[in-house]
N, C-alpha and C. Protein backbone atom coordinates (compact mmCIF):
# COMPACT_ATOMS: atom_id res chain seq x y z
N MET A 1 99.93 46.48 41.97
CA MET A 1 99.91 47.63 41.10
C MET A 1 100.34 48.85 41.90
N LEU A 2 101.25 49.63 41.34
CA LEU A 2 101.71 50.85 41.98
C LEU A 2 100.91 52.03 41.45
N ASP A 3 100.50 52.87 42.35
CA ASP A 3 99.81 54.10 41.96
C ASP A 3 100.74 55.26 42.26
N ILE A 4 101.51 55.67 41.27
CA ILE A 4 102.49 56.73 41.44
C ILE A 4 101.97 58.00 40.79
N GLU A 5 101.90 59.06 41.60
CA GLU A 5 101.43 60.33 41.08
C GLU A 5 102.55 60.98 40.26
N PRO A 6 102.22 61.52 39.10
CA PRO A 6 103.25 62.20 38.31
C PRO A 6 103.65 63.51 38.99
N VAL A 7 104.94 63.80 38.96
CA VAL A 7 105.46 65.03 39.53
C VAL A 7 106.26 65.73 38.45
N VAL A 8 105.99 67.00 38.28
CA VAL A 8 106.69 67.83 37.32
C VAL A 8 107.55 68.81 38.09
N VAL A 9 108.70 69.15 37.55
CA VAL A 9 109.55 70.15 38.17
C VAL A 9 109.43 71.43 37.36
N THR A 10 109.09 72.52 38.04
CA THR A 10 108.97 73.82 37.41
C THR A 10 110.16 74.67 37.84
N VAL A 11 110.81 75.31 36.87
CA VAL A 11 111.95 76.18 37.17
C VAL A 11 111.47 77.62 37.06
N ARG A 12 111.83 78.41 38.07
CA ARG A 12 111.45 79.83 38.08
C ARG A 12 112.53 80.63 38.80
N ALA A 13 112.48 81.93 38.63
CA ALA A 13 113.41 82.81 39.32
C ALA A 13 113.19 82.72 40.82
N ALA A 14 114.26 82.75 41.58
CA ALA A 14 114.17 82.74 43.04
C ALA A 14 113.79 84.13 43.54
N THR A 15 113.13 84.16 44.68
CA THR A 15 112.79 85.43 45.34
C THR A 15 113.13 85.32 46.82
N ALA A 16 113.15 86.44 47.50
CA ALA A 16 113.41 86.45 48.94
C ALA A 16 112.40 85.60 49.70
N ALA A 17 111.20 85.47 49.17
CA ALA A 17 110.15 84.67 49.82
C ALA A 17 110.49 83.17 49.83
N ASP A 18 111.48 82.75 49.06
CA ASP A 18 111.87 81.34 49.00
C ASP A 18 112.81 80.93 50.13
N LEU A 19 113.23 81.86 50.98
CA LEU A 19 114.26 81.56 51.97
C LEU A 19 113.90 80.37 52.87
N ASP A 20 112.70 80.31 53.40
CA ASP A 20 112.33 79.19 54.28
C ASP A 20 112.41 77.85 53.55
N GLU A 21 111.96 77.82 52.30
CA GLU A 21 112.03 76.57 51.52
C GLU A 21 113.47 76.21 51.17
N VAL A 22 114.31 77.22 50.91
CA VAL A 22 115.73 76.96 50.63
C VAL A 22 116.39 76.36 51.87
N LEU A 23 116.08 76.92 53.04
CA LEU A 23 116.63 76.36 54.29
C LEU A 23 116.15 74.92 54.50
N ALA A 24 114.88 74.67 54.26
CA ALA A 24 114.33 73.32 54.42
C ALA A 24 115.00 72.35 53.44
N MET A 25 115.22 72.78 52.20
CA MET A 25 115.89 71.92 51.22
C MET A 25 117.30 71.60 51.68
N HIS A 26 118.03 72.60 52.19
CA HIS A 26 119.38 72.36 52.69
C HIS A 26 119.37 71.34 53.83
N ARG A 27 118.37 71.38 54.69
CA ARG A 27 118.28 70.41 55.80
C ARG A 27 118.04 69.00 55.27
N ARG A 28 117.40 68.88 54.11
CA ARG A 28 117.15 67.55 53.53
C ARG A 28 118.34 67.02 52.74
N CYS A 29 119.34 67.86 52.51
CA CYS A 29 120.52 67.44 51.75
C CYS A 29 121.54 66.76 52.67
N SER A 30 122.22 65.77 52.12
CA SER A 30 123.27 65.10 52.88
C SER A 30 124.48 66.02 53.01
N ARG A 31 125.34 65.69 53.96
CA ARG A 31 126.59 66.45 54.14
C ARG A 31 127.43 66.38 52.86
N GLU A 32 127.40 65.22 52.19
CA GLU A 32 128.16 65.05 50.95
C GLU A 32 127.66 66.01 49.87
N SER A 33 126.36 66.12 49.71
CA SER A 33 125.81 67.04 48.70
C SER A 33 126.17 68.48 49.03
N LEU A 34 126.06 68.84 50.30
CA LEU A 34 126.41 70.20 50.72
C LEU A 34 127.90 70.45 50.51
N TYR A 35 128.73 69.46 50.80
CA TYR A 35 130.17 69.60 50.59
C TYR A 35 130.50 69.80 49.11
N ARG A 36 129.87 69.00 48.25
CA ARG A 36 130.13 69.15 46.81
C ARG A 36 129.71 70.53 46.31
N ARG A 37 128.63 71.08 46.86
CA ARG A 37 128.15 72.40 46.41
C ARG A 37 128.99 73.54 46.96
N TYR A 38 129.28 73.50 48.26
CA TYR A 38 129.94 74.64 48.90
C TYR A 38 131.43 74.42 49.14
N VAL A 39 131.93 73.20 48.86
CA VAL A 39 133.33 72.84 49.07
C VAL A 39 133.77 73.23 50.48
N SER A 40 132.92 72.87 51.43
CA SER A 40 133.16 73.17 52.83
C SER A 40 132.47 72.10 53.68
N GLY A 41 133.12 71.72 54.76
CA GLY A 41 132.53 70.74 55.66
C GLY A 41 131.61 71.38 56.70
N ALA A 42 131.33 72.67 56.55
CA ALA A 42 130.52 73.39 57.53
C ALA A 42 129.04 73.07 57.44
N GLY A 43 128.60 72.39 56.41
CA GLY A 43 127.17 72.09 56.25
C GLY A 43 126.44 73.25 55.62
N THR A 44 125.22 73.49 56.08
CA THR A 44 124.40 74.56 55.52
C THR A 44 125.03 75.92 55.82
N PRO A 45 125.18 76.75 54.82
CA PRO A 45 125.74 78.09 55.04
C PRO A 45 124.83 78.93 55.94
N PRO A 46 125.37 80.02 56.49
CA PRO A 46 124.54 80.90 57.33
C PRO A 46 123.35 81.45 56.54
N VAL A 47 122.28 81.74 57.27
CA VAL A 47 121.04 82.24 56.66
C VAL A 47 121.31 83.50 55.83
N VAL A 48 122.16 84.38 56.33
CA VAL A 48 122.44 85.63 55.61
C VAL A 48 123.07 85.34 54.24
N LEU A 49 123.92 84.32 54.15
CA LEU A 49 124.51 83.96 52.87
C LEU A 49 123.46 83.38 51.93
N LEU A 50 122.62 82.50 52.46
CA LEU A 50 121.56 81.92 51.62
C LEU A 50 120.59 83.00 51.16
N ALA A 51 120.26 83.94 52.02
CA ALA A 51 119.36 85.03 51.63
C ALA A 51 119.99 85.84 50.50
N GLY A 52 121.30 86.03 50.56
CA GLY A 52 122.01 86.75 49.50
C GLY A 52 122.01 86.03 48.17
N LEU A 53 121.91 84.71 48.21
CA LEU A 53 121.87 83.93 46.97
C LEU A 53 120.53 84.08 46.24
N LEU A 54 119.50 84.49 46.98
CA LEU A 54 118.17 84.59 46.38
C LEU A 54 118.00 85.94 45.69
N SER A 55 118.84 86.17 44.72
CA SER A 55 118.84 87.43 43.99
C SER A 55 118.81 87.13 42.51
N ALA A 56 118.99 88.18 41.73
CA ALA A 56 119.03 88.00 40.27
C ALA A 56 120.07 86.95 39.92
N GLY A 57 119.75 86.09 39.00
CA GLY A 57 120.67 85.06 38.58
C GLY A 57 120.49 83.73 39.28
N THR A 58 119.57 83.65 40.24
CA THR A 58 119.31 82.39 40.94
C THR A 58 117.94 81.88 40.54
N VAL A 59 117.89 80.59 40.24
CA VAL A 59 116.61 79.95 39.91
C VAL A 59 116.40 78.80 40.87
N VAL A 60 115.14 78.42 41.05
CA VAL A 60 114.79 77.29 41.90
C VAL A 60 113.94 76.32 41.08
N ALA A 61 114.03 75.05 41.46
CA ALA A 61 113.20 74.01 40.87
C ALA A 61 112.19 73.60 41.93
N VAL A 62 110.91 73.64 41.58
CA VAL A 62 109.83 73.36 42.51
C VAL A 62 109.01 72.19 41.98
N ALA A 63 108.74 71.21 42.85
CA ALA A 63 107.91 70.08 42.46
C ALA A 63 106.47 70.55 42.33
N THR A 64 105.82 70.13 41.26
CA THR A 64 104.43 70.50 41.01
C THR A 64 103.63 69.22 40.81
N GLY A 65 102.65 69.00 41.66
CA GLY A 65 101.84 67.80 41.57
C GLY A 65 102.27 66.77 42.59
N GLY A 66 101.40 65.88 42.88
CA GLY A 66 101.71 64.81 43.82
C GLY A 66 101.81 65.30 45.25
N ALA A 67 102.32 64.43 46.10
CA ALA A 67 102.42 64.73 47.53
C ALA A 67 103.45 65.81 47.82
N GLN A 68 104.36 66.05 46.89
CA GLN A 68 105.42 67.03 47.12
C GLN A 68 105.13 68.37 46.45
N ASP A 69 103.90 68.62 46.10
CA ASP A 69 103.52 69.85 45.42
C ASP A 69 104.01 71.08 46.18
N GLY A 70 104.73 71.95 45.48
CA GLY A 70 105.22 73.19 46.07
C GLY A 70 106.55 73.07 46.77
N ARG A 71 107.10 71.87 46.85
CA ARG A 71 108.37 71.66 47.55
C ARG A 71 109.54 72.09 46.67
N LEU A 72 110.41 72.94 47.20
CA LEU A 72 111.61 73.37 46.48
C LEU A 72 112.62 72.23 46.56
N VAL A 73 113.10 71.76 45.41
CA VAL A 73 113.96 70.58 45.38
C VAL A 73 115.37 70.84 44.86
N ALA A 74 115.60 72.04 44.31
CA ALA A 74 116.93 72.37 43.80
C ALA A 74 117.04 73.87 43.59
N MET A 75 118.29 74.34 43.55
CA MET A 75 118.53 75.75 43.23
C MET A 75 119.83 75.85 42.46
N ALA A 76 119.92 76.90 41.67
CA ALA A 76 121.12 77.13 40.87
C ALA A 76 121.32 78.63 40.74
N SER A 77 122.59 79.03 40.71
CA SER A 77 122.87 80.45 40.57
C SER A 77 123.96 80.70 39.55
N LEU A 78 123.90 81.88 39.00
CA LEU A 78 124.86 82.34 38.02
C LEU A 78 125.19 83.77 38.41
N ALA A 79 126.45 84.02 38.76
CA ALA A 79 126.81 85.36 39.23
C ALA A 79 128.23 85.71 38.79
N GLY A 80 128.47 87.00 38.65
CA GLY A 80 129.81 87.49 38.35
C GLY A 80 130.07 87.64 36.87
N ASP A 81 131.28 88.13 36.58
CA ASP A 81 131.72 88.30 35.20
C ASP A 81 133.20 87.97 35.13
N PRO A 82 133.61 86.84 34.57
CA PRO A 82 132.75 85.86 33.91
C PRO A 82 131.82 85.17 34.90
N ALA A 83 130.75 84.64 34.38
CA ALA A 83 129.71 84.03 35.20
C ALA A 83 130.22 82.76 35.88
N GLU A 84 129.91 82.64 37.17
CA GLU A 84 130.22 81.43 37.92
C GLU A 84 128.91 80.71 38.20
N ALA A 85 128.87 79.43 37.87
CA ALA A 85 127.66 78.63 38.03
C ALA A 85 127.77 77.74 39.26
N ALA A 86 126.64 77.59 39.97
CA ALA A 86 126.59 76.71 41.13
C ALA A 86 125.20 76.07 41.20
N ILE A 87 125.16 74.78 41.51
CA ILE A 87 123.89 74.04 41.55
C ILE A 87 123.86 73.16 42.79
N LEU A 88 122.70 73.09 43.44
CA LEU A 88 122.46 72.15 44.54
C LEU A 88 121.12 71.48 44.29
N VAL A 89 121.14 70.14 44.26
CA VAL A 89 119.92 69.36 44.08
C VAL A 89 119.74 68.48 45.32
N GLU A 90 118.56 68.54 45.89
CA GLU A 90 118.24 67.71 47.05
C GLU A 90 118.51 66.24 46.71
N ASP A 91 119.06 65.50 47.66
CA ASP A 91 119.47 64.11 47.43
C ASP A 91 118.39 63.25 46.78
N ALA A 92 117.17 63.33 47.27
CA ALA A 92 116.08 62.50 46.75
C ALA A 92 115.75 62.83 45.29
N TRP A 93 116.21 63.97 44.80
CA TRP A 93 115.90 64.39 43.44
C TRP A 93 117.10 64.27 42.51
N GLN A 94 118.22 63.79 43.01
CA GLN A 94 119.39 63.60 42.17
C GLN A 94 119.17 62.42 41.23
N ARG A 95 119.84 62.46 40.10
CA ARG A 95 119.76 61.42 39.06
C ARG A 95 118.39 61.37 38.39
N ARG A 96 117.69 62.50 38.38
CA ARG A 96 116.40 62.60 37.70
C ARG A 96 116.44 63.67 36.61
N GLY A 97 117.62 64.25 36.36
CA GLY A 97 117.74 65.27 35.32
C GLY A 97 117.51 66.69 35.79
N VAL A 98 117.28 66.88 37.10
CA VAL A 98 117.01 68.22 37.61
C VAL A 98 118.26 69.09 37.51
N GLY A 99 119.41 68.56 37.88
CA GLY A 99 120.66 69.32 37.79
C GLY A 99 120.98 69.70 36.35
N THR A 100 120.77 68.78 35.43
CA THR A 100 121.00 69.07 34.01
C THR A 100 120.04 70.14 33.51
N LEU A 101 118.79 70.05 33.92
CA LEU A 101 117.81 71.07 33.55
C LEU A 101 118.25 72.45 34.03
N LEU A 102 118.70 72.54 35.28
CA LEU A 102 119.16 73.81 35.82
C LEU A 102 120.44 74.28 35.13
N ALA A 103 121.35 73.36 34.84
CA ALA A 103 122.58 73.74 34.15
C ALA A 103 122.28 74.30 32.75
N ARG A 104 121.33 73.69 32.05
CA ARG A 104 120.92 74.22 30.74
C ARG A 104 120.36 75.64 30.87
N ARG A 105 119.55 75.83 31.92
CA ARG A 105 118.96 77.15 32.16
C ARG A 105 120.06 78.19 32.42
N LEU A 106 121.06 77.83 33.23
CA LEU A 106 122.16 78.75 33.50
C LEU A 106 122.97 79.02 32.24
N ALA A 107 123.24 77.97 31.46
CA ALA A 107 124.01 78.16 30.23
C ALA A 107 123.27 79.09 29.27
N GLY A 108 121.96 78.98 29.19
CA GLY A 108 121.17 79.84 28.32
C GLY A 108 121.18 81.29 28.78
N ALA A 109 121.32 81.51 30.07
CA ALA A 109 121.31 82.87 30.61
C ALA A 109 122.69 83.52 30.59
N ALA A 110 123.73 82.72 30.49
CA ALA A 110 125.10 83.26 30.55
C ALA A 110 125.46 83.96 29.24
N ARG A 111 126.31 84.96 29.40
CA ARG A 111 126.85 85.66 28.23
C ARG A 111 128.32 85.30 28.13
N GLY A 112 128.65 84.40 27.24
CA GLY A 112 130.05 84.01 27.08
C GLY A 112 130.46 82.88 27.99
N LYS A 113 131.67 82.99 28.56
CA LYS A 113 132.24 81.94 29.39
C LYS A 113 131.46 81.73 30.69
N ILE A 114 131.49 80.49 31.14
CA ILE A 114 130.93 80.12 32.44
C ILE A 114 132.06 79.44 33.22
N LEU A 115 132.31 79.91 34.42
CA LEU A 115 133.30 79.28 35.28
C LEU A 115 132.59 78.32 36.24
N VAL A 116 133.21 77.16 36.40
CA VAL A 116 132.69 76.16 37.33
C VAL A 116 133.84 75.72 38.22
N HIS A 117 133.63 75.83 39.54
CA HIS A 117 134.59 75.32 40.52
C HIS A 117 134.01 74.00 40.99
N VAL A 118 134.72 72.92 40.72
CA VAL A 118 134.18 71.59 41.01
C VAL A 118 135.28 70.72 41.62
N LEU A 119 134.89 69.90 42.59
CA LEU A 119 135.83 68.93 43.14
C LEU A 119 136.12 67.89 42.07
N ALA A 120 137.37 67.53 41.93
CA ALA A 120 137.78 66.59 40.88
C ALA A 120 136.98 65.29 40.93
N GLY A 121 136.57 64.84 42.10
CA GLY A 121 135.81 63.60 42.24
C GLY A 121 134.31 63.77 42.20
N ASN A 122 133.82 64.95 41.86
CA ASN A 122 132.38 65.20 41.84
C ASN A 122 131.80 64.66 40.53
N GLN A 123 131.50 63.37 40.55
CA GLN A 123 130.99 62.70 39.35
C GLN A 123 129.68 63.28 38.84
N PRO A 124 128.71 63.62 39.69
CA PRO A 124 127.47 64.20 39.15
C PRO A 124 127.73 65.48 38.34
N ALA A 125 128.61 66.34 38.84
CA ALA A 125 128.91 67.59 38.12
C ALA A 125 129.63 67.31 36.81
N THR A 126 130.60 66.40 36.82
CA THR A 126 131.32 66.13 35.58
C THR A 126 130.41 65.43 34.56
N ARG A 127 129.50 64.58 35.02
CA ARG A 127 128.54 63.96 34.09
C ARG A 127 127.64 65.02 33.46
N THR A 128 127.20 65.98 34.26
CA THR A 128 126.34 67.05 33.74
C THR A 128 127.08 67.88 32.71
N ILE A 129 128.33 68.21 32.98
CA ILE A 129 129.13 68.99 32.01
C ILE A 129 129.28 68.21 30.72
N ARG A 130 129.61 66.92 30.83
CA ARG A 130 129.75 66.10 29.61
C ARG A 130 128.44 66.00 28.83
N ARG A 131 127.33 65.88 29.57
CA ARG A 131 126.01 65.80 28.92
C ARG A 131 125.73 67.08 28.12
N LEU A 132 126.04 68.24 28.70
CA LEU A 132 125.79 69.51 28.02
C LEU A 132 126.74 69.71 26.85
N GLN A 133 127.92 69.14 26.94
CA GLN A 133 128.83 69.19 25.80
C GLN A 133 128.35 68.28 24.68
N SER A 134 127.88 67.10 25.04
CA SER A 134 127.46 66.15 24.00
C SER A 134 126.22 66.61 23.26
N ASP A 135 125.34 67.39 23.92
CA ASP A 135 124.14 67.85 23.21
C ASP A 135 124.33 69.23 22.57
N GLY A 136 125.54 69.79 22.68
CA GLY A 136 125.83 71.06 22.01
C GLY A 136 125.50 72.31 22.81
N THR A 137 124.98 72.15 24.03
CA THR A 137 124.68 73.32 24.87
C THR A 137 125.97 74.05 25.23
N LEU A 138 127.01 73.29 25.53
CA LEU A 138 128.33 73.85 25.82
C LEU A 138 129.34 73.21 24.90
N SER A 139 130.40 73.96 24.61
CA SER A 139 131.47 73.37 23.82
C SER A 139 132.63 73.01 24.74
N ALA A 140 133.82 73.36 24.38
CA ALA A 140 135.01 72.92 25.10
C ALA A 140 135.06 73.41 26.54
N ALA A 141 135.69 72.58 27.38
CA ALA A 141 135.99 72.96 28.76
C ALA A 141 137.50 73.14 28.86
N THR A 142 137.92 74.28 29.40
CA THR A 142 139.34 74.56 29.54
C THR A 142 139.68 74.60 31.02
N LEU A 143 140.73 73.86 31.40
CA LEU A 143 141.19 73.87 32.78
C LEU A 143 141.85 75.22 33.05
N ILE A 144 141.32 75.95 34.01
CA ILE A 144 141.85 77.26 34.37
C ILE A 144 142.79 77.15 35.56
N ASP A 145 142.40 76.34 36.55
CA ASP A 145 143.20 76.24 37.77
C ASP A 145 142.91 74.91 38.46
N ARG A 146 143.87 74.46 39.22
CA ARG A 146 143.68 73.29 40.07
C ARG A 146 144.34 73.59 41.40
N ASP A 147 143.55 73.54 42.46
CA ASP A 147 144.04 73.80 43.80
C ASP A 147 143.68 72.59 44.65
N GLY A 148 144.60 71.65 44.76
CA GLY A 148 144.30 70.39 45.44
C GLY A 148 143.19 69.68 44.68
N PRO A 149 142.11 69.30 45.38
CA PRO A 149 141.02 68.60 44.69
C PRO A 149 140.06 69.53 43.94
N LEU A 150 140.24 70.85 44.10
CA LEU A 150 139.33 71.81 43.46
C LEU A 150 139.84 72.19 42.08
N VAL A 151 138.98 72.00 41.09
CA VAL A 151 139.31 72.28 39.70
C VAL A 151 138.41 73.42 39.24
N THR A 152 139.00 74.39 38.54
CA THR A 152 138.21 75.47 37.94
C THR A 152 138.24 75.29 36.44
N LEU A 153 137.05 75.18 35.85
CA LEU A 153 136.90 75.01 34.40
C LEU A 153 136.21 76.22 33.80
N ALA A 154 136.65 76.61 32.62
CA ALA A 154 135.95 77.62 31.84
C ALA A 154 135.20 76.88 30.75
N LEU A 155 133.91 77.05 30.71
CA LEU A 155 133.07 76.38 29.73
C LEU A 155 132.58 77.42 28.72
N GLU A 156 132.63 77.07 27.47
CA GLU A 156 132.21 77.97 26.39
C GLU A 156 130.82 77.59 25.92
N LYS A 157 130.04 78.60 25.58
CA LYS A 157 128.70 78.36 25.02
C LYS A 157 128.82 78.06 23.55
């Protein structure tokens, strides 16, 4: 018999006080996850850049309950006009709906178009976009630009 503690993910606005947890989450992410998020082989961005992300428009997902209580497991940001969306989910938490939850939150906060810069082979991101289109959260995706493997899509609410 397995005794598995239930874990809930709570989404809340990010604050400057989250910086240490954001750094720890980045250390737990694979190079592939970091590459898909930042489209760079440099790994974790500099602390000053991460601190800058913890501003208005950034939300974090925090595990509540169980052995991982209080652990930051994902972050997402929405910035600019038109809004550009970005999501990073810790590897151990991928394929659990956390990215989709954060994407829905960003879509709800956006006013109008949302721009997404995604690697053409980033299957988790394209699955999330399709999921939000199929449930009516987002409508059409328009190809804005393609620069090698990087694709820029405009998503409509």
